[in-house]
């Protein structure tokens, strides 16, 4: 159009990196993020209990946390597997999965 200002030149983008693998979230990182919430659960139980529990009770507590922690890590890994998220984002993502799974496993009757 006559009288219109000229458009600025399009910026030239750098070529994509060659030979660098794509950054992904590893299962160990997702497991660590879920383990943070398992640790929070242990601290909360110890704070509410008042007196330190026996070895058997502590073993039962930790044993009851294994399956929700692993399942939460699988869910986090499934969502973030193709992204390179910071660890704190993975911890935030793991929180609802861990606590919902923990509540479900508490509600299940013992077999």
C-alpha atoms as a PDB file:
ATOM      1  CA  UNK A   1       0.000   0.000   0.000  1.00  0.00           C
ATOM      2  CA  UNK A   2       1.385   3.383  -0.860  1.00  0.00           C
ATOM      3  CA  UNK A   3       2.245   5.476   2.168  1.00  0.00           C
ATOM      4  CA  UNK A   4       2.364   2.503   4.563  1.00  0.00           C
ATOM      5  CA  UNK A   5       5.539   2.072   6.612  1.00  0.00           C
ATOM      6  CA  UNK A   6       7.772  -0.808   5.556  1.00  0.00           C
ATOM      7  CA  UNK A   7       7.502  -3.990   7.572  1.00  0.00           C
ATOM      8  CA  UNK A   8      10.575  -4.995   9.601  1.00  0.00           C
ATOM      9  CA  UNK A   9      12.583  -7.890   8.314  1.00  0.00           C
ATOM     10  CA  UNK A  10      11.684 -11.289   9.728  1.00  0.00           C
ATOM     11  CA  UNK A  11      14.219 -12.427  12.329  1.00  0.00           C
ATOM     12  CA  UNK A  12      16.446 -15.233  11.195  1.00  0.00           C
ATOM     13  CA  UNK A  13      16.240 -18.197  13.531  1.00  0.00           C
ATOM     14  CA  UNK A  14      19.238 -20.314  14.415  1.00  0.00           C
ATOM     15  CA  UNK A  15      19.274 -23.826  12.994  1.00  0.00           C
ATOM     16  CA  UNK A  16      18.122 -26.594  15.348  1.00  0.00           C
ATOM     17  CA  UNK A  17      20.866 -28.332  17.354  1.00  0.00           C
ATOM     18  CA  UNK A  18      22.302 -31.403  15.724  1.00  0.00           C
ATOM     19  CA  UNK A  19      23.199 -34.524  17.627  1.00  0.00           C
ATOM     20  CA  UNK A  20      21.706 -33.457  20.964  1.00  0.00           C
ATOM     21  CA  UNK A  21      19.121 -35.869  22.358  1.00  0.00           C
ATOM     22  CA  UNK A  22      15.769 -34.473  23.361  1.00  0.00           C
ATOM     23  CA  UNK A  23      15.505 -33.700  27.064  1.00  0.00           C
ATOM     24  CA  UNK A  24      13.000 -35.939  28.790  1.00  0.00           C
ATOM     25  CA  UNK A  25      11.791 -36.627  32.288  1.00  0.00           C
ATOM     26  CA  UNK A  26      13.227 -39.886  33.567  1.00  0.00           C
ATOM     27  CA  UNK A  27      11.287 -42.298  35.766  1.00  0.00           C
ATOM     28  CA  UNK A  28      13.811 -41.882  38.577  1.00  0.00           C
ATOM     29  CA  UNK A  29      13.126 -38.141  38.651  1.00  0.00           C
ATOM     30  CA  UNK A  30       9.360 -38.748  38.712  1.00  0.00           C
ATOM     31  CA  UNK A  31       9.859 -41.304  41.482  1.00  0.00           C
ATOM     32  CA  UNK A  32      11.846 -38.763  43.476  1.00  0.00           C
ATOM     33  CA  UNK A  33       9.043 -36.223  43.086  1.00  0.00           C
ATOM     34  CA  UNK A  34       6.482 -38.732  44.386  1.00  0.00           C
ATOM     35  CA  UNK A  35       8.857 -39.779  47.187  1.00  0.00           C
ATOM     36  CA  UNK A  36       8.856 -36.192  48.435  1.00  0.00           C
ATOM     37  CA  UNK A  37       5.147 -36.587  49.238  1.00  0.00           C
ATOM     38  CA  UNK A  38       5.737 -39.982  50.822  1.00  0.00           C
ATOM     39  CA  UNK A  39       8.271 -38.305  53.103  1.00  0.00           C
ATOM     40  CA  UNK A  40       5.774 -35.565  53.918  1.00  0.00           C
ATOM     41  CA  UNK A  41       3.241 -38.277  54.800  1.00  0.00           C
ATOM     42  CA  UNK A  42       5.704 -39.977  57.161  1.00  0.00           C
ATOM     43  CA  UNK A  43       6.515 -36.663  58.865  1.00  0.00           C
ATOM     44  CA  UNK A  44       2.809 -35.875  59.288  1.00  0.00           C
ATOM     45  CA  UNK A  45       2.100 -39.303  60.789  1.00  0.00           C
ATOM     46  CA  UNK A  46       5.019 -38.942  63.199  1.00  0.00           C
ATOM     47  CA  UNK A  47       3.890 -35.445  64.189  1.00  0.00           C
ATOM     48  CA  UNK A  48       0.324 -36.564  64.863  1.00  0.00           C
ATOM     49  CA  UNK A  49       1.342 -39.744  66.705  1.00  0.00           C
ATOM     50  CA  UNK A  50       3.196 -37.827  69.404  1.00  0.00           C
ATOM     51  CA  UNK A  51       5.216 -40.785  70.672  1.00  0.00           C
ATOM     52  CA  UNK A  52       7.611 -42.516  68.286  1.00  0.00           C
ATOM     53  CA  UNK A  53       5.995 -45.641  66.834  1.00  0.00           C
ATOM     54  CA  UNK A  54       7.568 -49.050  67.092  1.00  0.00           C
ATOM     55  CA  UNK A  55       9.611 -50.603  64.326  1.00  0.00           C
ATOM     56  CA  UNK A  56       6.705 -52.772  63.170  1.00  0.00           C
ATOM     57  CA  UNK A  57       4.320 -49.810  62.901  1.00  0.00           C
ATOM     58  CA  UNK A  58       6.897 -47.727  61.048  1.00  0.00           C
ATOM     59  CA  UNK A  59       7.551 -50.640  58.693  1.00  0.00           C
ATOM     60  CA  UNK A  60       3.833 -50.972  57.994  1.00  0.00           C
ATOM     61  CA  UNK A  61       3.575 -47.251  57.270  1.00  0.00           C
ATOM     62  CA  UNK A  62       6.482 -47.277  54.855  1.00  0.00           C
ATOM     63  CA  UNK A  63       5.198 -50.472  53.236  1.00  0.00           C
ATOM     64  CA  UNK A  64       1.794 -48.866  52.746  1.00  0.00           C
ATOM     65  CA  UNK A  65       3.439 -45.918  50.965  1.00  0.00           C
ATOM     66  CA  UNK A  66       5.297 -47.965  48.350  1.00  0.00           C
ATOM     67  CA  UNK A  67       2.401 -48.656  45.964  1.00  0.00           C
ATOM     68  CA  UNK A  68       0.907 -45.117  45.964  1.00  0.00           C
ATOM     69  CA  UNK A  69       4.393 -43.679  45.463  1.00  0.00           C
ATOM     70  CA  UNK A  70       5.141 -45.961  42.505  1.00  0.00           C
ATOM     71  CA  UNK A  71       1.746 -45.354  40.897  1.00  0.00           C
ATOM     72  CA  UNK A  72       2.057 -41.588  41.330  1.00  0.00           C
ATOM     73  CA  UNK A  73       5.518 -41.749  39.732  1.00  0.00           C
ATOM     74  CA  UNK A  74       4.095 -43.690  36.783  1.00  0.00           C
ATOM     75  CA  UNK A  75       1.367 -41.064  36.316  1.00  0.00           C
ATOM     76  CA  UNK A  76       3.862 -38.187  36.515  1.00  0.00           C
ATOM     77  CA  UNK A  77       6.195 -39.931  34.080  1.00  0.00           C
ATOM     78  CA  UNK A  78       3.319 -40.541  31.656  1.00  0.00           C
ATOM     79  CA  UNK A  79       2.430 -36.843  31.636  1.00  0.00           C
ATOM     80  CA  UNK A  80       5.940 -35.360  31.622  1.00  0.00           C
ATOM     81  CA  UNK A  81       7.877 -37.968  29.664  1.00  0.00           C
ATOM     82  CA  UNK A  82       8.556 -35.780  26.632  1.00  0.00           C
ATOM     83  CA  UNK A  83       9.202 -32.584  28.539  1.00  0.00           C
ATOM     84  CA  UNK A  84      12.178 -31.372  30.509  1.00  0.00           C
ATOM     85  CA  UNK A  85      10.353 -29.946  33.500  1.00  0.00           C
ATOM     86  CA  UNK A  86      12.052 -28.635  36.598  1.00  0.00           C
ATOM     87  CA  UNK A  87      11.942 -30.894  39.651  1.00  0.00           C
ATOM     88  CA  UNK A  88       9.654 -28.579  41.606  1.00  0.00           C
ATOM     89  CA  UNK A  89       7.059 -28.770  38.818  1.00  0.00           C
ATOM     90  CA  UNK A  90       7.198 -32.550  38.983  1.00  0.00           C
ATOM     91  CA  UNK A  91       6.697 -32.384  42.759  1.00  0.00           C
ATOM     92  CA  UNK A  92       3.622 -30.199  42.263  1.00  0.00           C
ATOM     93  CA  UNK A  93       2.314 -32.554  39.599  1.00  0.00           C
ATOM     94  CA  UNK A  94       2.861 -35.597  41.814  1.00  0.00           C
ATOM     95  CA  UNK A  95       0.958 -34.163  44.799  1.00  0.00           C
ATOM     96  CA  UNK A  96      -2.634 -34.798  43.680  1.00  0.00           C
ATOM     97  CA  UNK A  97      -1.792 -38.230  42.298  1.00  0.00           C
ATOM     98  CA  UNK A  98      -0.030 -39.308  45.479  1.00  0.00           C
ATOM     99  CA  UNK A  99      -2.647 -38.022  47.914  1.00  0.00           C
ATOM    100  CA  UNK A 100      -5.624 -39.388  45.968  1.00  0.00           C
ATOM    101  CA  UNK A 101      -3.954 -42.786  45.619  1.00  0.00           C
ATOM    102  CA  UNK A 102      -3.019 -42.740  49.310  1.00  0.00           C
ATOM    103  CA  UNK A 103      -6.642 -42.002  50.256  1.00  0.00           C
ATOM    104  CA  UNK A 104      -7.891 -44.787  47.980  1.00  0.00           C
ATOM    105  CA  UNK A 105      -5.485 -47.329  49.488  1.00  0.00           C
ATOM    106  CA  UNK A 106      -6.450 -46.258  53.024  1.00  0.00           C
ATOM    107  CA  UNK A 107     -10.145 -46.690  52.174  1.00  0.00           C
ATOM    108  CA  UNK A 108      -9.677 -50.204  50.769  1.00  0.00           C
ATOM    109  CA  UNK A 109     -10.479 -52.915  53.275  1.00  0.00           C
ATOM    110  CA  UNK A 110      -7.476 -54.998  54.382  1.00  0.00           C
ATOM    111  CA  UNK A 111      -7.288 -58.366  52.705  1.00  0.00           C
END
